[in-house]
């Protein structure tokens, strides 16, 4: 079976690779030189004048601007645009109360930060369990290592 496959593969026509000439669609070499030398150049370019689409759009835009200024309401006049803005936008008094509340919260936070940054440790070391000084074992003290603690007094938190 593999002999048949090999024979069919060999009998199949192979692709012929030819060198392909690169086309240059954007360069001037893609045009034939005969077009440049012909005398009829007016047929290849559109007619230039004030009737082109650009001038039409410019005139329409200018007329629209003039019409807007002519028929637009005066600054003190009440119209639908000012009513829309005043209805859907937040009033300035609401923004003022929001800003004042934010200022109060920021001031409180700054005071808390100031307290934590300027804090100092106490000058006296306070024990967490001061009663542990009074319950020491007398049997685990080496010979000659027993100091006189008769004058030691624990300071309480109220002192």
N, C-alpha and C. Protein backbone atom coordinates (compact mmCIF):
# COMPACT_ATOMS: atom_id res chain seq x y z
N UNK A 1 0.81 -1.19 0.00
CA UNK A 1 0.00 0.00 0.00
C UNK A 1 0.86 1.26 0.00
N UNK A 2 1.96 1.22 0.74
CA UNK A 2 2.81 2.39 0.77
C UNK A 2 3.49 2.64 -0.57
N UNK A 3 3.65 1.58 -1.35
CA UNK A 3 4.25 1.73 -2.68
C UNK A 3 3.30 2.49 -3.62
N UNK A 4 2.00 2.24 -3.47
CA UNK A 4 1.00 2.94 -4.28
C UNK A 4 0.95 4.42 -3.89
N UNK A 5 1.00 4.69 -2.58
CA UNK A 5 0.98 6.10 -2.12
C UNK A 5 2.19 6.86 -2.62
N UNK A 6 3.33 6.20 -2.61
CA UNK A 6 4.55 6.85 -3.08
C UNK A 6 4.46 7.14 -4.57
N UNK A 7 3.88 6.21 -5.34
CA UNK A 7 3.75 6.41 -6.78
C UNK A 7 2.78 7.54 -7.09
N UNK A 8 1.67 7.60 -6.34
CA UNK A 8 0.71 8.69 -6.55
C UNK A 8 1.31 10.04 -6.16
N UNK A 9 2.07 10.06 -5.08
CA UNK A 9 2.71 11.30 -4.65
C UNK A 9 3.71 11.79 -5.69
N UNK A 10 4.45 10.87 -6.29
CA UNK A 10 5.45 11.26 -7.30
C UNK A 10 4.78 11.69 -8.60
N UNK A 11 3.59 11.12 -8.89
CA UNK A 11 2.91 11.45 -10.14
C UNK A 11 2.13 12.77 -10.04
N UNK A 12 1.93 13.25 -8.85
CA UNK A 12 1.18 14.50 -8.66
C UNK A 12 1.96 15.67 -9.23
N UNK A 13 1.27 16.60 -9.88
CA UNK A 13 2.02 17.74 -10.44
C UNK A 13 2.56 18.65 -9.33
N UNK A 14 3.79 19.03 -9.47
CA UNK A 14 4.44 19.87 -8.47
C UNK A 14 4.22 21.34 -8.82
N UNK A 15 4.21 22.18 -7.78
CA UNK A 15 4.04 23.62 -7.98
C UNK A 15 5.32 24.22 -8.53
N UNK A 16 5.18 25.04 -9.51
CA UNK A 16 6.33 25.69 -10.12
C UNK A 16 6.47 27.06 -9.48
N UNK A 17 7.64 27.32 -8.93
CA UNK A 17 7.88 28.60 -8.28
C UNK A 17 8.51 29.56 -9.28
N UNK A 18 7.80 30.60 -9.56
CA UNK A 18 8.32 31.62 -10.46
C UNK A 18 8.61 32.88 -9.66
N UNK A 19 9.60 33.58 -10.08
CA UNK A 19 9.88 34.83 -9.38
C UNK A 19 8.77 35.82 -9.73
N UNK A 20 8.22 36.39 -8.74
CA UNK A 20 7.09 37.30 -8.92
C UNK A 20 7.58 38.72 -8.84
N UNK A 21 7.17 39.54 -9.75
CA UNK A 21 7.56 40.94 -9.77
C UNK A 21 6.66 41.69 -8.79
N UNK A 22 7.28 42.45 -7.90
CA UNK A 22 6.53 43.17 -6.88
C UNK A 22 5.79 44.34 -7.52
N UNK A 23 4.51 44.45 -7.18
CA UNK A 23 3.75 45.58 -7.71
C UNK A 23 3.85 46.75 -6.75
N UNK A 24 3.99 47.90 -7.29
CA UNK A 24 4.10 49.11 -6.48
C UNK A 24 2.87 49.96 -6.73
N UNK A 25 1.85 49.75 -5.90
CA UNK A 25 0.60 50.44 -6.10
C UNK A 25 0.63 51.90 -5.69
N UNK A 26 1.47 52.27 -4.73
CA UNK A 26 1.48 53.64 -4.23
C UNK A 26 2.56 54.50 -4.86
N UNK A 27 3.50 53.89 -5.56
CA UNK A 27 4.59 54.68 -6.12
C UNK A 27 4.26 55.13 -7.54
N UNK A 28 5.06 56.02 -8.04
CA UNK A 28 4.81 56.56 -9.37
C UNK A 28 5.19 55.57 -10.46
N UNK A 29 5.94 54.53 -10.15
CA UNK A 29 6.35 53.56 -11.15
C UNK A 29 5.21 52.63 -11.56
N UNK A 30 4.12 52.58 -10.79
CA UNK A 30 3.04 51.68 -11.13
C UNK A 30 2.19 52.22 -12.27
N UNK A 31 2.30 53.51 -12.57
CA UNK A 31 1.54 54.09 -13.67
C UNK A 31 2.34 53.95 -14.96
N UNK A 32 1.63 53.81 -16.01
CA UNK A 32 2.36 53.77 -17.28
C UNK A 32 2.80 55.18 -17.64
N UNK A 33 3.88 55.29 -18.33
CA UNK A 33 4.44 56.61 -18.64
C UNK A 33 3.66 57.31 -19.74
N UNK A 34 2.79 56.59 -20.40
CA UNK A 34 2.02 57.22 -21.46
C UNK A 34 1.00 58.20 -20.92
N UNK A 35 0.47 57.95 -19.70
CA UNK A 35 -0.52 58.86 -19.11
C UNK A 35 0.07 60.23 -18.81
N UNK A 36 1.35 60.27 -18.48
CA UNK A 36 1.98 61.54 -18.14
C UNK A 36 2.23 62.40 -19.38
N UNK A 37 2.36 61.76 -20.50
CA UNK A 37 2.70 62.50 -21.70
C UNK A 37 1.50 62.86 -22.56
N UNK A 38 0.31 62.39 -22.14
CA UNK A 38 -0.86 62.72 -22.96
C UNK A 38 -1.30 64.14 -22.67
N UNK A 39 -1.96 64.76 -23.63
CA UNK A 39 -2.37 66.14 -23.49
C UNK A 39 -3.69 66.31 -22.76
N UNK A 40 -4.45 65.24 -22.54
CA UNK A 40 -5.77 65.33 -21.93
C UNK A 40 -5.65 65.11 -20.42
N UNK A 41 -5.17 66.11 -19.68
CA UNK A 41 -5.04 65.96 -18.22
C UNK A 41 -6.27 66.44 -17.48
N UNK A 42 -7.18 67.19 -18.13
CA UNK A 42 -8.37 67.70 -17.47
C UNK A 42 -9.35 66.59 -17.15
N UNK A 43 -9.32 65.51 -17.90
CA UNK A 43 -10.27 64.43 -17.65
C UNK A 43 -9.89 63.60 -16.43
N UNK A 44 -8.62 63.63 -16.00
CA UNK A 44 -8.19 62.82 -14.87
C UNK A 44 -8.35 63.55 -13.53
N UNK A 45 -8.52 64.85 -13.53
CA UNK A 45 -8.66 65.62 -12.29
C UNK A 45 -10.04 66.26 -12.24
N UNK A 46 -10.64 66.36 -11.03
CA UNK A 46 -11.94 67.05 -10.95
C UNK A 46 -11.78 68.54 -11.16
N UNK A 47 -12.85 69.16 -11.59
CA UNK A 47 -12.81 70.60 -11.85
C UNK A 47 -12.71 71.34 -10.52
N UNK A 48 -11.81 72.30 -10.47
CA UNK A 48 -11.61 73.09 -9.26
C UNK A 48 -12.45 74.34 -9.33
N UNK A 49 -13.14 74.66 -8.23
CA UNK A 49 -13.97 75.86 -8.18
C UNK A 49 -14.71 75.94 -6.86
N UNK A 50 -15.67 76.87 -6.80
CA UNK A 50 -16.43 77.06 -5.58
C UNK A 50 -17.65 76.15 -5.50
N UNK A 51 -17.78 75.21 -6.40
CA UNK A 51 -18.92 74.30 -6.38
C UNK A 51 -18.55 72.93 -5.81
N UNK A 52 -17.36 72.79 -5.23
CA UNK A 52 -16.96 71.50 -4.66
C UNK A 52 -17.68 71.27 -3.33
N UNK A 53 -17.60 70.04 -2.84
CA UNK A 53 -18.31 69.68 -1.61
C UNK A 53 -17.76 70.43 -0.39
N UNK A 54 -16.47 70.69 -0.38
CA UNK A 54 -15.88 71.41 0.75
C UNK A 54 -16.44 72.80 0.91
N UNK A 55 -16.58 73.52 -0.20
CA UNK A 55 -17.15 74.87 -0.15
C UNK A 55 -18.63 74.83 0.22
N UNK A 56 -19.34 73.80 -0.23
CA UNK A 56 -20.75 73.67 0.13
C UNK A 56 -20.91 73.50 1.63
N UNK A 57 -20.09 72.62 2.24
CA UNK A 57 -20.15 72.41 3.69
C UNK A 57 -19.76 73.66 4.46
N UNK A 58 -18.80 74.42 3.93
CA UNK A 58 -18.37 75.65 4.59
C UNK A 58 -19.49 76.69 4.58
N UNK A 59 -20.18 76.84 3.46
CA UNK A 59 -21.29 77.80 3.38
C UNK A 59 -22.43 77.38 4.30
N UNK A 60 -22.76 76.09 4.34
CA UNK A 60 -23.83 75.61 5.22
C UNK A 60 -23.47 75.84 6.69
N UNK A 61 -22.21 75.59 7.08
CA UNK A 61 -21.78 75.82 8.45
C UNK A 61 -21.84 77.30 8.81
N UNK A 62 -21.42 78.17 7.90
CA UNK A 62 -21.47 79.62 8.15
C UNK A 62 -22.91 80.09 8.33
N UNK A 63 -23.83 79.61 7.47
CA UNK A 63 -25.24 79.97 7.61
C UNK A 63 -25.83 79.44 8.93
N UNK A 64 -25.41 78.26 9.34
CA UNK A 64 -25.87 77.71 10.61
C UNK A 64 -25.41 78.54 11.80
N UNK A 65 -24.17 78.99 11.79
CA UNK A 65 -23.65 79.82 12.88
C UNK A 65 -24.36 81.17 12.93
N UNK A 66 -24.56 81.78 11.77
CA UNK A 66 -25.27 83.07 11.72
C UNK A 66 -26.70 82.90 12.22
N UNK A 67 -27.37 81.83 11.80
CA UNK A 67 -28.74 81.58 12.25
C UNK A 67 -28.81 81.32 13.74
N UNK A 68 -27.81 80.62 14.30
CA UNK A 68 -27.80 80.37 15.73
C UNK A 68 -27.69 81.68 16.51
N UNK A 69 -26.78 82.55 16.11
CA UNK A 69 -26.63 83.82 16.83
C UNK A 69 -27.83 84.74 16.64
N UNK A 70 -28.51 84.62 15.51
CA UNK A 70 -29.65 85.48 15.28
C UNK A 70 -30.86 85.03 16.10
N UNK A 71 -31.09 83.72 16.19
CA UNK A 71 -32.27 83.22 16.86
C UNK A 71 -32.01 82.65 18.25
N UNK A 72 -30.79 82.68 18.74
CA UNK A 72 -30.48 82.17 20.08
C UNK A 72 -31.07 83.11 21.13
N UNK A 73 -31.48 82.58 22.28
CA UNK A 73 -32.05 83.44 23.32
C UNK A 73 -30.97 84.31 23.96
N UNK A 74 -31.41 85.41 24.52
CA UNK A 74 -30.48 86.30 25.20
C UNK A 74 -30.04 85.66 26.51
N UNK A 75 -28.94 86.13 27.11
CA UNK A 75 -28.42 85.50 28.33
C UNK A 75 -29.40 85.52 29.50
N UNK A 76 -30.23 86.52 29.65
CA UNK A 76 -31.16 86.59 30.78
C UNK A 76 -32.49 85.90 30.52
N UNK A 77 -32.73 85.48 29.29
CA UNK A 77 -34.02 84.89 28.92
C UNK A 77 -34.10 83.43 29.37
N UNK A 78 -35.28 83.02 29.86
CA UNK A 78 -35.49 81.64 30.28
C UNK A 78 -35.89 80.80 29.07
N UNK A 79 -35.18 79.70 28.83
CA UNK A 79 -35.50 78.84 27.70
C UNK A 79 -35.35 77.39 28.12
N UNK A 80 -35.56 76.47 27.20
CA UNK A 80 -35.56 75.05 27.53
C UNK A 80 -34.17 74.55 27.90
N UNK A 81 -33.12 75.14 27.37
CA UNK A 81 -31.76 74.69 27.70
C UNK A 81 -31.42 75.02 29.14
N UNK A 82 -31.72 76.24 29.58
CA UNK A 82 -31.42 76.61 30.96
C UNK A 82 -32.31 75.86 31.93
N UNK A 83 -33.56 75.59 31.56
CA UNK A 83 -34.43 74.79 32.43
C UNK A 83 -33.91 73.36 32.55
N UNK A 84 -33.43 72.80 31.46
CA UNK A 84 -32.87 71.45 31.48
C UNK A 84 -31.65 71.39 32.40
N UNK A 85 -30.77 72.36 32.27
CA UNK A 85 -29.55 72.39 33.09
C UNK A 85 -29.91 72.55 34.56
N UNK A 86 -30.84 73.44 34.88
CA UNK A 86 -31.18 73.65 36.28
C UNK A 86 -31.94 72.47 36.87
N UNK A 87 -32.64 71.68 36.05
CA UNK A 87 -33.41 70.55 36.56
C UNK A 87 -32.53 69.33 36.82
N UNK A 88 -31.59 69.04 35.92
CA UNK A 88 -30.83 67.80 36.02
C UNK A 88 -29.47 67.93 36.68
N UNK A 89 -28.99 69.11 36.92
CA UNK A 89 -27.68 69.25 37.52
C UNK A 89 -27.80 69.55 39.01
N UNK A 90 -26.77 69.18 39.77
CA UNK A 90 -26.76 69.36 41.21
C UNK A 90 -26.59 70.83 41.57
N UNK A 91 -27.39 71.34 42.50
CA UNK A 91 -27.24 72.76 42.87
C UNK A 91 -25.94 72.99 43.64
N UNK A 92 -25.50 74.23 43.62
CA UNK A 92 -24.22 74.56 44.26
C UNK A 92 -24.29 74.44 45.78
N UNK A 93 -25.47 74.62 46.39
CA UNK A 93 -25.57 74.49 47.84
C UNK A 93 -25.30 73.05 48.27
N UNK A 94 -25.71 72.08 47.46
CA UNK A 94 -25.43 70.68 47.78
C UNK A 94 -23.92 70.41 47.74
N UNK A 95 -23.26 70.98 46.75
CA UNK A 95 -21.81 70.80 46.68
C UNK A 95 -21.12 71.48 47.85
N UNK A 96 -21.64 72.62 48.30
CA UNK A 96 -21.03 73.33 49.43
C UNK A 96 -21.15 72.50 50.71
N UNK A 97 -22.32 71.90 50.95
CA UNK A 97 -22.46 71.06 52.16
C UNK A 97 -21.60 69.80 52.07
N UNK A 98 -21.50 69.23 50.89
CA UNK A 98 -20.63 68.05 50.72
C UNK A 98 -19.17 68.41 50.97
N UNK A 99 -18.74 69.55 50.47
CA UNK A 99 -17.35 69.99 50.69
C UNK A 99 -17.09 70.31 52.15
N UNK A 100 -18.06 70.92 52.84
CA UNK A 100 -17.89 71.21 54.27
C UNK A 100 -17.77 69.92 55.08
N UNK A 101 -18.60 68.93 54.76
CA UNK A 101 -18.54 67.64 55.46
C UNK A 101 -17.20 66.96 55.20
N UNK A 102 -16.72 67.03 53.98
CA UNK A 102 -15.42 66.44 53.66
C UNK A 102 -14.30 67.16 54.42
N UNK A 103 -14.42 68.47 54.56
CA UNK A 103 -13.41 69.23 55.31
C UNK A 103 -13.40 68.82 56.78
N UNK A 104 -14.58 68.62 57.36
CA UNK A 104 -14.65 68.19 58.76
C UNK A 104 -14.02 66.81 58.95
N UNK A 105 -14.33 65.88 58.06
CA UNK A 105 -13.76 64.54 58.17
C UNK A 105 -12.25 64.55 57.97
N UNK A 106 -11.78 65.35 57.05
CA UNK A 106 -10.34 65.44 56.81
C UNK A 106 -9.63 66.06 58.00
N UNK A 107 -10.25 67.06 58.62
CA UNK A 107 -9.65 67.68 59.81
C UNK A 107 -9.57 66.69 60.96
N UNK A 108 -10.64 65.90 61.18
CA UNK A 108 -10.63 64.88 62.22
C UNK A 108 -9.57 63.82 61.98
N UNK A 109 -9.43 63.41 60.73
CA UNK A 109 -8.40 62.43 60.40
C UNK A 109 -7.01 63.00 60.63
N UNK A 110 -6.82 64.26 60.27
CA UNK A 110 -5.51 64.89 60.48
C UNK A 110 -5.18 65.01 61.96
N UNK A 111 -6.18 65.29 62.79
CA UNK A 111 -5.94 65.36 64.24
C UNK A 111 -5.54 63.99 64.78
N UNK A 112 -6.17 62.93 64.30
CA UNK A 112 -5.82 61.58 64.74
C UNK A 112 -4.41 61.21 64.30
N UNK A 113 -4.04 61.59 63.11
CA UNK A 113 -2.68 61.33 62.64
C UNK A 113 -1.68 62.13 63.45
N UNK A 114 -2.02 63.37 63.76
CA UNK A 114 -1.13 64.22 64.54
C UNK A 114 -0.90 63.63 65.94
N UNK A 115 -1.96 63.11 66.55
CA UNK A 115 -1.83 62.52 67.88
C UNK A 115 -0.93 61.29 67.82
N UNK A 116 -1.12 60.44 66.82
CA UNK A 116 -0.31 59.23 66.75
C UNK A 116 1.15 59.54 66.38
N UNK A 117 1.38 60.61 65.64
CA UNK A 117 2.75 60.92 65.26
C UNK A 117 3.52 61.64 66.36
N UNK A 118 2.85 62.38 67.20
CA UNK A 118 3.54 63.12 68.26
C UNK A 118 3.50 62.39 69.59
N UNK A 119 2.99 61.17 69.63
CA UNK A 119 2.91 60.45 70.90
C UNK A 119 4.29 60.01 71.36
N UNK A 120 4.45 59.87 72.67
CA UNK A 120 5.72 59.43 73.26
C UNK A 120 5.45 58.29 74.23
N UNK A 121 6.44 57.46 74.39
CA UNK A 121 6.32 56.37 75.35
C UNK A 121 6.39 56.94 76.76
N UNK A 122 5.74 56.29 77.72
CA UNK A 122 5.80 56.79 79.10
C UNK A 122 7.22 56.67 79.67
N UNK A 123 7.56 57.56 80.58
CA UNK A 123 8.90 57.58 81.16
C UNK A 123 9.09 56.46 82.17
N UNK A 124 8.04 55.90 82.70
CA UNK A 124 8.13 54.84 83.70
C UNK A 124 7.69 53.54 83.04
N UNK A 125 8.46 52.49 83.28
CA UNK A 125 8.09 51.19 82.74
C UNK A 125 7.03 50.57 83.65
N UNK A 126 5.87 50.40 83.13
CA UNK A 126 4.78 49.81 83.90
C UNK A 126 4.67 48.33 83.53
N UNK A 127 4.63 47.50 84.57
CA UNK A 127 4.49 46.07 84.34
C UNK A 127 3.05 45.73 84.02
N UNK A 128 2.90 44.73 83.19
CA UNK A 128 1.56 44.28 82.86
C UNK A 128 0.95 43.54 84.05
N UNK A 129 1.75 42.72 84.72
CA UNK A 129 1.27 41.96 85.88
C UNK A 129 2.13 42.34 87.10
N UNK A 130 1.81 43.43 87.80
CA UNK A 130 2.67 43.87 88.91
C UNK A 130 2.62 42.91 90.12
N UNK A 131 1.62 42.11 90.24
CA UNK A 131 1.56 41.17 91.38
C UNK A 131 2.57 40.04 91.24
N UNK A 132 3.20 39.90 90.07
CA UNK A 132 4.20 38.84 89.89
C UNK A 132 5.46 39.13 90.70
N UNK A 133 5.69 40.38 91.13
CA UNK A 133 6.85 40.69 91.97
C UNK A 133 6.68 40.11 93.38
N UNK A 134 5.46 39.92 93.82
CA UNK A 134 5.21 39.46 95.18
C UNK A 134 5.09 37.95 95.27
N UNK A 135 5.01 37.23 94.17
CA UNK A 135 4.82 35.79 94.23
C UNK A 135 6.06 35.02 93.81
N UNK A 136 7.23 35.61 93.92
CA UNK A 136 8.46 34.93 93.55
C UNK A 136 8.75 33.81 94.53
N UNK A 137 9.33 32.73 94.04
CA UNK A 137 9.66 31.58 94.89
C UNK A 137 10.93 31.87 95.67
N UNK A 138 10.94 31.54 96.92
CA UNK A 138 12.14 31.74 97.76
C UNK A 138 13.14 30.63 97.57
N UNK A 139 12.75 29.51 96.95
CA UNK A 139 13.64 28.35 96.81
C UNK A 139 14.50 28.40 95.55
N UNK A 140 14.17 29.25 94.57
CA UNK A 140 14.96 29.28 93.33
C UNK A 140 15.98 30.42 93.33
N UNK A 141 16.26 31.01 94.50
CA UNK A 141 17.23 32.09 94.60
C UNK A 141 18.56 31.48 95.02
N UNK A 142 19.66 31.70 94.26
CA UNK A 142 20.95 31.13 94.66
C UNK A 142 21.49 31.80 95.93
N UNK A 143 22.49 31.18 96.50
CA UNK A 143 23.07 31.67 97.75
C UNK A 143 23.74 33.02 97.50
N UNK A 144 23.43 33.99 98.29
CA UNK A 144 24.00 35.32 98.18
C UNK A 144 23.33 36.14 97.09
N UNK A 145 22.36 35.64 96.40
CA UNK A 145 21.70 36.37 95.33
C UNK A 145 20.39 36.97 95.75
N UNK A 146 20.08 36.95 97.02
CA UNK A 146 18.80 37.45 97.50
C UNK A 146 18.94 38.93 97.85
N UNK A 147 18.46 39.84 97.02
CA UNK A 147 18.57 41.26 97.37
C UNK A 147 17.53 41.64 98.41
N UNK A 148 17.78 42.75 99.05
CA UNK A 148 16.83 43.25 100.05
C UNK A 148 15.72 44.00 99.32
N UNK A 149 14.51 43.45 99.29
CA UNK A 149 13.39 44.05 98.60
C UNK A 149 12.34 44.57 99.57
N UNK A 150 12.76 44.86 100.76
CA UNK A 150 11.80 45.33 101.76
C UNK A 150 11.28 46.73 101.43
N UNK A 151 12.08 47.53 100.71
CA UNK A 151 11.66 48.89 100.39
C UNK A 151 11.00 49.01 99.02
N UNK A 152 10.87 47.91 98.28
CA UNK A 152 10.28 47.95 96.94
C UNK A 152 8.78 48.04 97.06
N UNK A 153 8.23 49.00 96.37
CA UNK A 153 6.78 49.19 96.39
C UNK A 153 6.32 49.36 94.94
N UNK A 154 5.27 48.64 94.56
CA UNK A 154 4.75 48.70 93.20
C UNK A 154 3.84 49.90 93.06
N UNK A 155 4.08 50.69 92.00
CA UNK A 155 3.23 51.83 91.73
C UNK A 155 2.01 51.37 90.93
N UNK A 156 0.88 51.77 91.37
CA UNK A 156 -0.35 51.43 90.68
C UNK A 156 -0.64 52.46 89.60
N UNK A 157 -1.63 52.20 88.78
CA UNK A 157 -1.98 53.10 87.69
C UNK A 157 -2.51 54.43 88.20
N UNK A 158 -3.05 54.45 89.41
CA UNK A 158 -3.58 55.70 89.98
C UNK A 158 -2.48 56.59 90.51
N UNK A 159 -1.30 56.08 90.68
CA UNK A 159 -0.20 56.88 91.25
C UNK A 159 0.57 57.60 90.18
